[in-house]
Amino acid sequence: MKIHVLESYEELSERAAEVLIGELERKKNLLLCAATGNTPGGVYSAFVKEHRQSPGLFSDVNIIKLDEWGGIPMDDPGTCESYLQTQLIKPLHVESSRYISFNSNPEDPQAECKRIGGQLDKFGGIDVCIVGLGMNGHIALNEPADFLEPDIHIARLSATSLTHSMVSEMDKKPGFGLTLGMKAILESRLILMLVNGKKKKEMARSFLSRKVTTQLPASFLWLHPNAICFIDREAY
């Protein structure tokens, strides 16, 4: 893994966006796996800014949602769906045929996981996966545990995940999570890990120790042949 320490969140976002745009220039129809939350917002803003200048570059991009809060309406402002629609899908004019999205409130969560897996298989896997570092070391909603699920699955949310800022905005709290498993993430051609802010400093220290453990799922990125970590000075 390549580690890049940047002086500010703004610089982190710009550098990560440059890499992402470079990948898109090489493959216009790449499949981007998009995380949600505060950290990737700056990258997406830079991405949308580039779209305004070169809209043709984004005409074939495909997006898959990394994870979703389960048991709440899709139009709840706290869902990953609402976030991505605002940050990426609508600004980039991504058609539904180019967007793979978990339903946040499926009748059959297990069938929903299977559906997403089938759509992902049609694309032949993820080209670029954007992930953040959870406060408890999770990656997507792969929570710390004695073992990790390889496939797309229903996640039992940890107490830490339930304190996430997105959840705090919800009237109804999620009862579970829906998430890509470690297999799909680690099979991505390129992974961009984004880490920022003082609140991530302690977990970043554990992550940067390079010790691979299921109690810190993000540590499995050390096993990936093409992963880049952008971390700002505050977190580092």
Protein backbone atom coordinates (compact mmCIF):
# COMPACT_ATOMS: atom_id res chain seq x y z
CA MET A 1 0.00 0.00 0.00
CA LYS A 2 1.16 3.50 -0.85
CA ILE A 3 0.69 6.05 1.95
CA HIS A 4 0.36 9.74 1.06
CA VAL A 5 0.25 12.19 3.98
CA LEU A 6 -1.36 15.49 2.95
CA GLU A 7 -1.34 18.75 4.86
CA SER A 8 -5.09 19.32 4.71
CA TYR A 9 -8.40 17.67 3.93
CA GLU A 10 -8.69 19.87 0.85
CA GLU A 11 -5.36 18.63 -0.48
CA LEU A 12 -6.32 15.03 0.32
CA SER A 13 -9.56 15.44 -1.65
CA GLU A 14 -7.82 17.03 -4.62
CA ARG A 15 -5.13 14.34 -4.84
CA ALA A 16 -7.62 11.50 -4.58
CA ALA A 17 -9.84 13.14 -7.21
CA GLU A 18 -6.85 13.46 -9.57
CA VAL A 19 -6.21 9.73 -9.30
CA LEU A 20 -9.89 8.97 -9.85
CA ILE A 21 -10.12 11.23 -12.90
CA GLY A 22 -6.96 9.67 -14.30
CA GLU A 23 -8.52 6.23 -13.99
CA LEU A 24 -11.65 7.46 -15.75
CA GLU A 25 -9.58 8.88 -18.60
CA ARG A 26 -8.09 5.42 -19.10
CA LYS A 27 -11.43 3.61 -18.91
CA LYS A 28 -14.57 5.70 -19.40
CA ASN A 29 -16.95 2.87 -18.46
CA LEU A 30 -15.20 1.91 -15.24
CA LEU A 31 -17.22 0.71 -12.27
CA LEU A 32 -16.70 3.02 -9.30
CA CYS A 33 -17.63 1.76 -5.85
CA ALA A 34 -18.65 4.81 -3.84
CA ALA A 35 -18.52 5.15 -0.07
CA THR A 36 -20.62 7.69 1.82
CA GLY A 37 -20.06 9.91 4.85
CA ASN A 38 -18.12 13.08 5.53
CA THR A 39 -14.72 11.92 4.28
CA PRO A 40 -15.33 11.32 0.55
CA GLY A 41 -17.46 14.44 0.11
CA GLY A 42 -14.52 16.60 -0.97
CA VAL A 43 -13.47 14.06 -3.59
CA TYR A 44 -16.98 13.94 -5.01
CA SER A 45 -17.16 17.74 -5.13
CA ALA A 46 -13.94 17.81 -7.16
CA PHE A 47 -15.32 15.05 -9.38
CA VAL A 48 -18.50 17.06 -10.05
CA LYS A 49 -16.45 20.18 -10.76
CA GLU A 50 -14.51 18.25 -13.40
CA HIS A 51 -17.81 17.07 -14.87
CA ARG A 52 -18.88 20.65 -15.44
CA GLN A 53 -15.74 21.22 -17.50
CA SER A 54 -15.66 17.85 -19.29
CA PRO A 55 -19.12 16.26 -19.16
CA GLY A 56 -18.27 13.79 -21.92
CA LEU A 57 -15.68 12.15 -19.71
CA PHE A 58 -18.43 10.93 -17.38
CA SER A 59 -20.95 9.74 -19.97
CA ASP A 60 -20.23 6.04 -19.43
CA VAL A 61 -19.15 5.84 -15.79
CA ASN A 62 -20.88 3.19 -13.68
CA ILE A 63 -21.38 3.44 -9.91
CA ILE A 64 -22.11 0.87 -7.23
CA LYS A 65 -23.08 1.81 -3.70
CA LEU A 66 -20.65 0.38 -1.13
CA ASP A 67 -23.20 -0.19 1.63
CA GLU A 68 -26.51 0.96 3.03
CA TRP A 69 -28.39 1.35 6.31
CA GLY A 70 -31.16 -1.27 6.44
CA GLY A 71 -34.79 -1.02 7.53
CA ILE A 72 -35.36 2.64 6.68
CA PRO A 73 -37.06 4.29 3.67
CA MET A 74 -34.89 5.01 0.63
CA ASP A 75 -35.91 8.68 0.72
CA ASP A 76 -34.80 9.18 4.32
CA PRO A 77 -32.22 12.02 4.21
CA GLY A 78 -29.83 9.90 6.29
CA THR A 79 -29.57 7.01 3.84
CA CYS A 80 -26.54 6.34 1.71
CA GLU A 81 -28.96 6.55 -1.23
CA SER A 82 -29.89 10.15 -0.43
CA TYR A 83 -26.23 11.03 -0.01
CA LEU A 84 -25.11 9.52 -3.33
CA GLN A 85 -28.05 10.93 -5.25
CA THR A 86 -27.09 14.41 -4.04
CA GLN A 87 -23.31 14.05 -4.29
CA LEU A 88 -22.84 11.96 -7.45
CA ILE A 89 -25.78 10.37 -9.24
CA LYS A 90 -27.78 13.50 -10.09
CA PRO A 91 -24.82 15.90 -10.62
CA LEU A 92 -23.12 13.42 -12.96
CA HIS A 93 -26.41 12.48 -14.69
CA VAL A 94 -25.83 8.78 -14.05
CA GLU A 95 -28.70 6.78 -15.54
CA SER A 96 -30.31 3.98 -13.54
CA SER A 97 -28.80 1.41 -15.91
CA ARG A 98 -25.35 2.55 -14.76
CA TYR A 99 -26.09 2.58 -11.04
CA ILE A 100 -26.16 -0.46 -8.74
CA SER A 101 -27.90 0.43 -5.52
CA PHE A 102 -28.94 -1.46 -2.42
CA ASN A 103 -32.60 -0.94 -1.52
CA SER A 104 -32.47 0.32 2.06
CA ASN A 105 -35.79 -1.27 2.98
CA PRO A 106 -36.13 -4.54 1.05
CA GLU A 107 -38.85 -7.09 1.77
CA ASP A 108 -36.18 -9.81 1.70
CA PRO A 109 -32.73 -8.49 2.69
CA GLN A 110 -31.02 -11.75 1.76
CA ALA A 111 -32.56 -11.68 -1.72
CA GLU A 112 -31.44 -8.04 -2.02
CA CYS A 113 -27.84 -9.08 -1.32
CA LYS A 114 -28.13 -11.76 -4.00
CA ARG A 115 -29.55 -9.24 -6.47
CA ILE A 116 -26.67 -6.84 -5.94
CA GLY A 117 -24.20 -9.70 -6.33
CA GLY A 118 -25.74 -10.66 -9.66
CA GLN A 119 -25.47 -7.10 -10.97
CA LEU A 120 -21.88 -6.83 -9.81
CA ASP A 121 -20.99 -10.07 -11.59
CA LYS A 122 -22.27 -8.63 -14.87
CA PHE A 123 -19.67 -5.87 -14.61
CA GLY A 124 -16.90 -8.32 -13.88
CA GLY A 125 -15.95 -6.64 -10.62
CA ILE A 126 -15.06 -3.18 -9.35
CA ASP A 127 -12.45 -1.01 -11.06
CA VAL A 128 -11.96 1.65 -8.38
CA CYS A 129 -13.24 1.34 -4.81
CA ILE A 130 -13.35 4.35 -2.50
CA VAL A 131 -13.43 3.49 1.19
CA GLY A 132 -13.03 5.27 4.49
CA LEU A 133 -11.70 4.12 7.83
CA GLY A 134 -14.48 3.49 10.34
CA MET A 135 -14.11 4.73 13.89
CA ASN A 136 -13.89 1.09 14.99
CA GLY A 137 -11.76 0.04 12.02
CA HIS A 138 -14.62 -1.21 9.87
CA ILE A 139 -14.52 -1.01 6.09
CA ALA A 140 -17.93 -0.53 4.48
CA LEU A 141 -20.16 -2.25 7.08
CA ASN A 142 -17.77 -5.14 7.57
CA GLU A 143 -17.62 -4.80 11.34
CA PRO A 144 -14.86 -6.03 13.68
CA ALA A 145 -15.49 -9.69 14.51
CA ASP A 146 -13.85 -13.06 15.01
CA PHE A 147 -14.36 -13.67 11.28
CA LEU A 148 -15.34 -11.57 8.27
CA GLU A 149 -17.94 -12.30 5.60
CA PRO A 150 -16.45 -12.59 2.11
CA ASP A 151 -19.68 -12.01 0.20
CA ILE A 152 -22.38 -9.34 0.06
CA HIS A 153 -24.31 -9.73 3.27
CA ILE A 154 -26.63 -8.44 5.97
CA ALA A 155 -24.50 -6.79 8.63
CA ARG A 156 -25.18 -6.62 12.33
CA LEU A 157 -24.38 -3.02 13.18
CA SER A 158 -21.98 -2.28 16.00
CA ALA A 159 -22.73 0.28 18.69
CA THR A 160 -20.02 2.47 17.15
CA SER A 161 -21.62 2.39 13.70
CA LEU A 162 -24.96 3.37 15.21
CA THR A 163 -23.38 6.63 16.44
CA HIS A 164 -22.44 7.60 12.86
CA SER A 165 -23.41 11.16 11.92
CA MET A 166 -25.69 9.86 9.15
CA VAL A 167 -27.65 7.77 11.65
CA SER A 168 -28.03 10.70 14.05
CA GLU A 169 -30.11 12.49 11.39
CA MET A 170 -32.64 9.65 11.09
CA ASP A 171 -36.03 9.60 12.76
CA LYS A 172 -36.02 5.81 12.58
CA LYS A 173 -32.72 4.06 13.29
CA PRO A 174 -31.45 1.24 11.04
CA GLY A 175 -31.91 -2.29 12.30
CA PHE A 176 -29.16 -3.78 10.16
CA GLY A 177 -26.76 -2.98 7.36
CA LEU A 178 -26.38 -4.15 3.77
CA THR A 179 -22.82 -4.23 2.52
CA LEU A 180 -20.35 -5.50 0.00
CA GLY A 181 -18.17 -8.15 1.60
CA MET A 182 -14.40 -8.28 1.80
CA LYS A 183 -14.11 -10.37 -1.37
CA ALA A 184 -15.64 -7.76 -3.68
CA ILE A 185 -13.62 -4.99 -2.05
CA LEU A 186 -10.31 -6.82 -2.20
CA GLU A 187 -10.92 -7.91 -5.81
CA SER A 188 -11.18 -4.24 -6.87
CA ARG A 189 -8.50 -3.26 -9.35
CA LEU A 190 -7.63 -0.13 -7.35
CA ILE A 191 -8.61 0.86 -3.80
CA LEU A 192 -8.46 4.43 -2.50
CA MET A 193 -8.54 4.66 1.30
CA LEU A 194 -9.35 8.14 2.63
CA VAL A 195 -8.62 9.10 6.25
CA ASN A 196 -9.01 12.56 7.74
CA GLY A 197 -9.43 14.44 10.98
CA LYS A 198 -8.23 14.25 14.58
CA LYS A 199 -11.03 11.88 15.54
CA LYS A 200 -9.49 9.22 13.28
CA LYS A 201 -5.99 9.58 14.72
CA GLU A 202 -6.14 6.68 17.17
CA MET A 203 -7.66 4.26 14.66
CA ALA A 204 -5.28 5.48 11.95
CA ARG A 205 -2.38 4.60 14.24
CA SER A 206 -3.70 1.06 14.58
CA PHE A 207 -4.30 0.81 10.84
CA LEU A 208 -0.82 2.07 9.99
CA SER A 209 0.77 -0.55 12.27
CA ARG A 210 0.25 -2.95 9.32
CA LYS A 211 -1.08 -5.69 11.60
CA VAL A 212 -3.79 -7.58 9.74
CA THR A 213 -6.67 -8.67 11.96
CA THR A 214 -10.41 -9.28 11.67
CA GLN A 215 -10.80 -6.94 14.65
CA LEU A 216 -9.72 -4.14 12.30
CA PRO A 217 -11.26 -5.10 8.96
CA ALA A 218 -9.66 -2.18 7.10
CA SER A 219 -6.25 -3.74 7.86
CA PHE A 220 -6.93 -6.31 5.12
CA LEU A 221 -6.16 -3.57 2.60
CA TRP A 222 -2.49 -4.20 3.40
CA LEU A 223 -2.89 -7.44 1.44
CA HIS A 224 -4.06 -5.65 -1.71
CA PRO A 225 -1.52 -5.16 -4.53
CA ASN A 226 -2.85 -1.78 -5.66
CA ALA A 227 -4.14 0.26 -2.72
CA ILE A 228 -3.44 3.91 -1.96
CA CYS A 229 -4.11 5.59 1.38
CA PHE A 230 -4.57 9.36 1.42
CA ILE A 231 -4.42 10.64 4.99
CA ASP A 232 -4.32 14.22 6.23
CA ARG A 233 -1.85 15.52 8.80
CA GLU A 234 -4.45 15.67 11.58
CA ALA A 235 -5.26 11.98 11.30
CA TYR A 236 -1.65 10.96 10.75
